[in-house]
Amino acid sequence: MANECHGWAARDPSGLLSPYQFTRRSVGNDDVSITILYCGICYADVIWTRNKFGITNYPVVPGHEIVGIVREVGSNVERFKVGQHVGVGTYVNSCRECEYCDNELEIHCSKGAIYTFDGVDADGTITKGGYSNYIVVHQRYCYRIPENYPPELAAPLLCAGITVYTPMIRHSMNQEGKSLGVVGLGGLGHLAVRFGKAFGLKVTVFSTSISKRDDALNLLGADNFVLSTDEQQMSVLDKSLDFIINTASGDTSFDIYLSLLKTGGVLVLVGFPSEVKFSPGSLNLGAKTISGSVTGGTKQTQEMLDFCASKRIYPEIELVPIEYSNEALERMIKNEVKYRFVIDIANSINK
């Protein structure tokens, strides 16, 4: 069959992935068909395959950090050509009519963005993600991968990268000479450090694990490393930071981090701890801001990809075959990855 697709799917809350065949829609006038080369592994893959939110539609084919080569385009597509490297991120559709879509902030679509996997698409079908050999996507939700950027390294940018880049731009964290704190040094945190250094910021990494110190300072080029469980180290930084990005999902004292901000400072949360609790005085005294953020819109995602290419900002990845995906997800749960897994789809599913 022309529309037959080969992928890996979870079929129940065990989350165990195994080979799965399904069909993709035919290429419409505004669609791009993409042969998938690489797909990053995100913690969302764990959440959905194991039904952590209780909403998963099985079988589920995860993966929303997709990079591939255009193999076919619809008659209305002019932005992309066959043979070009492109990417697909966390969503593949939206209403295209609301104020957020009009401003290219499709992730905040009033009717709800349609996620790349396990979302209900406009035709009523359930979307299936990048743990597969090809995908068909409306051209609006595809991104040009710069020619000089290694495609396997582009995959993590399409979720982890844009998730930290979006609030950095929104809160003007691209001011050279300012100071940034990054809480947590995982897939998101290590990219926040690299963006921060590219913006000319003085970057301090906060972690509960002293084992992250060497990577923070020597691999990623942070200016300072602080063990966040050490009260003395933390107190030294009182009122010293312009910005903080909290990429961690563990529970922590927001009062302590707010105390590290200068007057007018901003703390952005991109992780999902079980609660956010702080004293009003920590916020009001010093006119500080606490802000939340998720991934970004289509315009900003393309801008980020171009910025990464121009500044040679690369994520740290471990490239694995699709057959290793179950172990990779287990290692991700245990924080045993430096710093993002990327599945080599072309040499495992497409071989």
Protein backbone atom coordinates (compact mmCIF):
# COMPACT_ATOMS: atom_id res chain seq x y z
CA MET A 1 0.00 0.00 0.00
CA ALA A 2 1.21 3.47 -0.88
CA ASN A 3 0.15 4.89 2.51
CA GLU A 4 1.50 2.09 4.65
CA CYS A 5 3.72 3.32 7.46
CA HIS A 6 6.06 1.33 9.70
CA GLY A 7 6.50 2.48 13.27
CA TRP A 8 6.79 1.45 16.89
CA ALA A 9 3.80 1.77 19.22
CA ALA A 10 2.77 1.22 22.82
CA ARG A 11 -0.44 -0.73 23.13
CA ASP A 12 -1.18 -0.47 26.88
CA PRO A 13 -0.05 1.47 30.00
CA SER A 14 3.05 -0.71 30.36
CA GLY A 15 4.41 1.65 27.71
CA LEU A 16 6.26 -1.19 26.01
CA LEU A 17 7.00 -0.26 22.40
CA SER A 18 7.04 -2.78 19.58
CA PRO A 19 6.73 -2.76 15.75
CA TYR A 20 3.41 -1.51 14.42
CA GLN A 21 2.04 -0.95 10.93
CA PHE A 22 -0.58 1.66 10.14
CA THR A 23 -1.66 3.99 7.34
CA ARG A 24 -0.98 7.68 6.80
CA ARG A 25 -3.30 10.00 4.90
CA SER A 26 -2.58 10.80 1.28
CA VAL A 27 -0.73 14.03 0.55
CA GLY A 28 -3.18 16.93 0.31
CA ASN A 29 -2.67 20.18 -1.58
CA ASP A 30 -1.02 21.87 1.42
CA ASP A 31 0.79 18.82 2.79
CA VAL A 32 4.40 17.77 2.96
CA SER A 33 5.33 14.08 3.10
CA ILE A 34 8.55 13.53 5.00
CA THR A 35 10.85 10.51 5.15
CA ILE A 36 11.88 10.54 8.82
CA LEU A 37 15.62 10.34 9.48
CA TYR A 38 15.75 11.14 13.19
CA CYS A 39 13.36 11.53 16.10
CA GLY A 40 14.29 12.89 19.51
CA ILE A 41 13.01 11.23 22.67
CA CYS A 42 11.11 13.56 25.02
CA TYR A 43 9.67 12.95 28.48
CA ALA A 44 6.24 13.43 26.86
CA ASP A 45 6.88 10.05 25.21
CA VAL A 46 7.01 8.48 28.67
CA ILE A 47 3.88 10.30 29.86
CA TRP A 48 1.75 9.29 26.88
CA THR A 49 2.96 5.73 26.36
CA ARG A 50 2.34 5.00 30.04
CA ASN A 51 -0.97 6.89 30.17
CA LYS A 52 0.15 9.15 33.04
CA PHE A 53 -2.64 11.63 32.24
CA GLY A 54 -5.29 8.95 31.69
CA ILE A 55 -6.09 10.19 28.17
CA THR A 56 -3.91 8.03 25.91
CA ASN A 57 -5.54 6.43 22.86
CA TYR A 58 -3.82 3.11 22.22
CA PRO A 59 -1.98 2.09 20.17
CA VAL A 60 0.12 5.24 20.46
CA VAL A 61 3.12 6.03 18.23
CA PRO A 62 5.14 8.65 20.16
CA GLY A 63 7.75 11.15 18.99
CA HIS A 64 7.52 14.90 18.34
CA GLU A 65 11.10 15.97 17.64
CA ILE A 66 11.17 14.92 14.00
CA VAL A 67 13.75 15.62 11.30
CA GLY A 68 13.60 14.17 7.82
CA ILE A 69 13.76 14.72 4.08
CA VAL A 70 10.85 15.95 1.96
CA ARG A 71 9.74 13.15 -0.34
CA GLU A 72 6.55 14.68 -1.79
CA VAL A 73 4.72 18.02 -1.63
CA GLY A 74 1.14 19.05 -2.39
CA SER A 75 0.22 21.32 -5.29
CA ASN A 76 -0.03 24.45 -3.08
CA VAL A 77 3.32 23.96 -1.35
CA GLU A 78 5.98 26.47 -2.38
CA ARG A 79 8.10 26.77 0.80
CA PHE A 80 9.51 23.26 0.62
CA LYS A 81 11.08 21.16 -2.12
CA VAL A 82 11.66 17.42 -2.51
CA GLY A 83 15.03 16.48 -1.00
CA GLN A 84 15.10 19.33 1.52
CA HIS A 85 15.76 18.71 5.24
CA VAL A 86 12.75 19.69 7.36
CA GLY A 87 11.55 19.35 10.92
CA VAL A 88 8.24 18.79 12.71
CA GLY A 89 7.69 19.70 16.35
CA THR A 90 5.09 19.15 19.03
CA TYR A 91 1.96 20.02 17.03
CA VAL A 92 0.75 19.43 13.46
CA ASN A 93 -2.46 21.42 13.24
CA SER A 94 -4.48 24.26 14.76
CA CYS A 95 -7.60 26.25 13.85
CA ARG A 96 -5.61 28.89 11.86
CA GLU A 97 -8.34 31.44 12.63
CA CYS A 98 -8.00 32.59 16.25
CA GLU A 99 -5.90 35.49 17.56
CA TYR A 100 -3.09 33.15 18.59
CA CYS A 101 -2.89 31.39 15.25
CA ASP A 102 -3.02 34.81 13.54
CA ASN A 103 0.04 35.79 15.59
CA GLU A 104 1.83 32.51 14.79
CA LEU A 105 1.46 31.32 18.38
CA GLU A 106 -0.32 28.16 17.26
CA ILE A 107 0.57 26.18 20.38
CA HIS A 108 -1.91 28.46 22.22
CA CYS A 109 -4.68 28.00 19.61
CA SER A 110 -8.06 28.84 21.15
CA LYS A 111 -9.51 25.54 19.94
CA GLY A 112 -6.42 23.63 21.04
CA ALA A 113 -3.34 22.79 19.03
CA ILE A 114 -3.40 19.26 17.63
CA TYR A 115 -0.42 17.37 18.96
CA THR A 116 1.92 15.43 16.69
CA PHE A 117 0.95 12.18 18.34
CA ASP A 118 -2.22 11.06 20.11
CA GLY A 119 -4.10 14.16 19.04
CA VAL A 120 -7.46 14.16 17.26
CA ASP A 121 -6.83 15.61 13.80
CA ALA A 122 -9.31 17.61 11.71
CA ASP A 123 -10.51 14.43 9.94
CA GLY A 124 -11.15 12.65 13.24
CA THR A 125 -8.12 10.36 13.02
CA ILE A 126 -5.61 10.01 15.86
CA THR A 127 -2.20 11.48 15.03
CA LYS A 128 0.84 9.23 15.14
CA GLY A 129 4.32 10.54 15.76
CA GLY A 130 7.91 10.24 14.75
CA TYR A 131 8.77 6.73 15.90
CA SER A 132 7.90 5.81 12.32
CA ASN A 133 9.43 5.86 8.84
CA TYR A 134 7.45 8.78 7.38
CA ILE A 135 4.85 11.42 8.23
CA VAL A 136 2.44 13.70 6.34
CA VAL A 137 2.07 17.22 7.76
CA HIS A 138 0.43 20.49 6.66
CA GLN A 139 3.20 22.79 5.41
CA ARG A 140 2.46 25.44 8.07
CA TYR A 141 3.78 23.12 10.78
CA CYS A 142 7.02 22.17 9.02
CA TYR A 143 10.36 23.91 9.53
CA ARG A 144 13.34 24.37 7.27
CA ILE A 145 16.48 22.83 8.76
CA PRO A 146 19.42 25.07 7.77
CA GLU A 147 21.72 23.36 5.27
CA ASN A 148 24.79 23.68 7.48
CA TYR A 149 23.10 22.17 10.56
CA PRO A 150 23.56 18.44 11.31
CA PRO A 151 20.04 16.96 11.01
CA GLU A 152 20.43 14.54 13.92
CA LEU A 153 21.30 17.47 16.21
CA ALA A 154 18.30 19.48 15.03
CA ALA A 155 15.79 16.98 16.43
CA PRO A 156 15.99 18.03 20.13
CA LEU A 157 15.61 21.67 19.18
CA LEU A 158 12.03 21.01 18.04
CA CYS A 159 10.78 20.53 21.61
CA ALA A 160 13.54 20.93 24.20
CA GLY A 161 15.20 23.78 22.33
CA ILE A 162 12.14 25.86 21.56
CA THR A 163 10.73 25.27 25.06
CA VAL A 164 13.61 27.22 26.63
CA TYR A 165 14.19 29.63 23.72
CA THR A 166 10.58 30.92 23.75
CA PRO A 167 10.58 32.40 27.28
CA MET A 168 14.14 33.65 26.88
CA ILE A 169 13.06 35.81 23.95
CA ARG A 170 9.74 36.78 25.51
CA HIS A 171 11.45 38.06 28.66
CA SER A 172 14.37 39.68 26.81
CA MET A 173 17.01 37.33 28.13
CA ASN A 174 19.13 38.08 25.06
CA GLN A 175 20.73 41.13 26.68
CA GLU A 176 24.50 40.76 26.73
CA GLY A 177 26.02 41.16 30.17
CA LYS A 178 22.91 40.13 32.14
CA SER A 179 22.90 37.13 34.47
CA LEU A 180 20.93 33.89 34.11
CA GLY A 181 20.34 31.02 36.49
CA VAL A 182 19.43 27.61 35.03
CA VAL A 183 17.81 25.15 37.45
CA GLY A 184 18.32 21.55 36.38
CA LEU A 185 20.82 20.29 33.83
CA GLY A 186 18.96 17.84 31.62
CA GLY A 187 17.70 17.96 28.05
CA LEU A 188 16.15 21.41 28.49
CA GLY A 189 18.65 22.83 30.96
CA HIS A 190 21.75 22.15 28.91
CA LEU A 191 20.20 23.98 25.95
CA ALA A 192 19.22 26.91 28.19
CA VAL A 193 22.90 27.17 29.15
CA ARG A 194 24.01 27.12 25.52
CA PHE A 195 21.43 29.75 24.53
CA GLY A 196 22.41 31.87 27.51
CA LYS A 197 26.08 31.84 26.55
CA ALA A 198 25.20 32.61 22.91
CA PHE A 199 23.21 35.62 24.14
CA GLY A 200 26.24 36.84 26.09
CA LEU A 201 24.82 36.13 29.55
CA LYS A 202 26.68 35.17 32.69
CA VAL A 203 25.22 31.72 33.39
CA THR A 204 24.95 29.93 36.73
CA VAL A 205 23.76 26.31 36.84
CA PHE A 206 21.84 25.04 39.86
CA SER A 207 21.66 21.30 40.43
CA THR A 208 21.06 18.86 43.26
CA SER A 209 23.77 16.63 41.78
CA ILE A 210 27.44 17.55 42.22
CA SER A 211 28.23 15.12 39.38
CA LYS A 212 26.83 17.72 36.96
CA ARG A 213 29.49 20.28 37.90
CA ASP A 214 32.15 19.25 35.39
CA ASP A 215 29.74 19.19 32.44
CA ALA A 216 28.18 22.50 33.45
CA LEU A 217 31.51 24.33 33.57
CA ASN A 218 33.66 22.51 31.03
CA LEU A 219 31.33 20.94 28.46
CA LEU A 220 28.65 23.62 28.38
CA GLY A 221 30.69 26.66 29.36
CA ALA A 222 28.63 27.89 32.32
CA ASP A 223 30.31 30.55 34.45
CA ASN A 224 29.27 29.14 37.79
CA PHE A 225 27.90 25.93 39.32
CA VAL A 226 25.92 25.86 42.55
CA LEU A 227 24.81 22.81 44.50
CA SER A 228 21.27 23.90 45.24
CA THR A 229 21.10 21.88 48.47
CA ASP A 230 23.99 23.91 49.93
CA GLU A 231 22.42 26.86 51.78
CA GLN A 232 25.70 28.75 52.01
CA GLN A 233 26.35 28.55 48.26
CA MET A 234 22.78 29.69 47.58
CA SER A 235 22.88 32.62 50.03
CA VAL A 236 26.00 34.04 48.39
CA LEU A 237 23.92 34.70 45.26
CA ASP A 238 21.20 36.70 47.04
CA LYS A 239 19.73 39.37 44.70
CA SER A 240 22.36 38.69 42.01
CA LEU A 241 20.47 37.26 39.02
CA ASP A 242 18.42 39.00 36.34
CA PHE A 243 16.72 35.81 35.15
CA ILE A 244 16.14 32.22 36.25
CA ILE A 245 14.79 29.36 34.12
CA ASN A 246 13.59 26.39 36.14
CA THR A 247 13.70 23.33 33.86
CA ALA A 248 13.31 20.83 36.70
CA SER A 249 10.08 19.06 37.62
CA GLY A 250 11.06 18.18 41.18
CA ASP A 251 9.52 20.12 44.04
CA THR A 252 11.68 22.96 45.28
CA SER A 253 11.55 26.16 47.32
CA PHE A 254 10.42 28.94 45.00
CA ASP A 255 11.02 31.44 47.81
CA ILE A 256 14.74 30.63 47.74
CA TYR A 257 15.02 31.08 43.97
CA LEU A 258 12.98 34.29 44.02
CA SER A 259 15.40 35.63 46.66
CA LEU A 260 18.26 35.20 44.17
CA LEU A 261 16.63 37.60 41.69
CA LYS A 262 17.49 41.26 41.46
CA THR A 263 14.71 43.85 41.65
CA GLY A 264 12.53 43.36 38.58
CA GLY A 265 13.94 39.89 37.96
CA VAL A 266 12.07 37.10 36.19
CA LEU A 267 11.72 33.41 37.11
CA VAL A 268 10.34 31.24 34.31
CA LEU A 269 8.98 27.77 34.93
CA VAL A 270 9.12 25.27 32.06
CA GLY A 271 9.15 22.16 34.22
CA PHE A 272 6.11 20.67 35.97
CA PRO A 273 6.62 20.26 39.73
CA SER A 274 3.65 18.97 41.72
CA GLU A 275 2.98 22.45 43.10
CA VAL A 276 4.23 26.01 42.91
CA LYS A 277 4.23 27.64 46.32
CA PHE A 278 5.83 30.87 47.49
CA SER A 279 5.27 33.77 49.87
CA PRO A 280 3.67 36.86 48.27
CA GLY A 281 6.46 38.92 49.81
CA SER A 282 9.03 36.99 47.76
CA LEU A 283 7.30 38.31 44.65
CA ASN A 284 6.03 41.72 45.67
CA LEU A 285 9.13 42.98 47.46
CA GLY A 286 11.47 43.59 44.55
CA ALA A 287 8.74 43.72 41.89
CA LYS A 288 9.66 40.25 40.64
CA THR A 289 7.87 38.14 38.06
CA ILE A 290 7.14 34.42 37.96
CA SER A 291 6.08 33.16 34.55
CA GLY A 292 5.15 29.89 32.90
CA SER A 293 5.92 28.72 29.39
CA VAL A 294 5.61 25.76 27.06
CA THR A 295 6.84 25.31 23.51
CA GLY A 296 6.69 28.06 20.89
CA GLY A 297 4.87 29.13 17.74
CA THR A 298 5.87 28.38 14.17
CA LYS A 299 7.58 31.71 13.45
CA GLN A 300 9.74 31.58 16.55
CA THR A 301 10.64 27.92 16.01
CA GLN A 302 12.07 28.74 12.59
CA GLU A 303 13.91 31.75 14.04
CA MET A 304 15.43 29.50 16.72
CA LEU A 305 16.62 26.94 14.17
CA ASP A 306 18.27 29.70 12.13
CA PHE A 307 19.82 31.20 15.27
CA CYS A 308 21.27 27.83 16.30
CA ALA A 309 22.79 27.40 12.85
CA SER A 310 24.30 30.89 12.84
CA LYS A 311 25.75 30.53 16.36
CA ARG A 312 26.65 26.84 16.05
CA ILE A 313 24.55 25.89 19.06
CA TYR A 314 24.35 22.10 19.23
CA PRO A 315 22.59 19.83 21.76
CA GLU A 316 24.46 16.93 23.30
CA ILE A 317 22.87 13.71 22.08
CA GLU A 318 23.14 9.94 22.27
CA LEU A 319 22.09 8.39 18.96
CA VAL A 320 20.25 5.06 19.34
CA PRO A 321 18.37 2.62 17.06
CA ILE A 322 14.59 2.21 17.38
CA GLU A 323 15.18 -1.21 18.93
CA TYR A 324 16.74 0.57 21.91
CA SER A 325 13.74 2.87 22.48
CA ASN A 326 12.33 0.98 25.48
CA GLU A 327 15.68 1.06 27.27
CA ALA A 328 16.12 4.72 26.32
CA LEU A 329 12.79 5.62 27.92
CA GLU A 330 13.76 3.73 31.08
CA ARG A 331 17.09 5.54 31.18
CA MET A 332 15.34 8.87 30.69
CA ILE A 333 13.12 8.17 33.71
CA LYS A 334 16.28 7.50 35.74
CA ASN A 335 18.02 10.64 34.41
CA GLU A 336 20.70 8.49 32.81
CA VAL A 337 21.10 10.38 29.53
CA LYS A 338 23.53 13.09 28.49
CA TYR A 339 21.52 15.00 27.42
CA ARG A 340 18.99 13.94 24.80
CA PHE A 341 18.34 10.63 23.07
CA VAL A 342 17.80 10.75 19.32
CA ILE A 343 16.51 7.70 17.45
CA ASP A 344 18.30 6.90 14.18
CA ILE A 345 15.10 6.13 12.29
CA ALA A 346 16.76 5.96 8.86
CA ASN A 347 19.14 3.19 9.90
CA SER A 348 16.66 1.17 11.95
CA ILE A 349 13.05 1.49 10.73
CA ASN A 350 13.96 2.67 7.23
CA LYS A 351 16.81 0.23 6.64
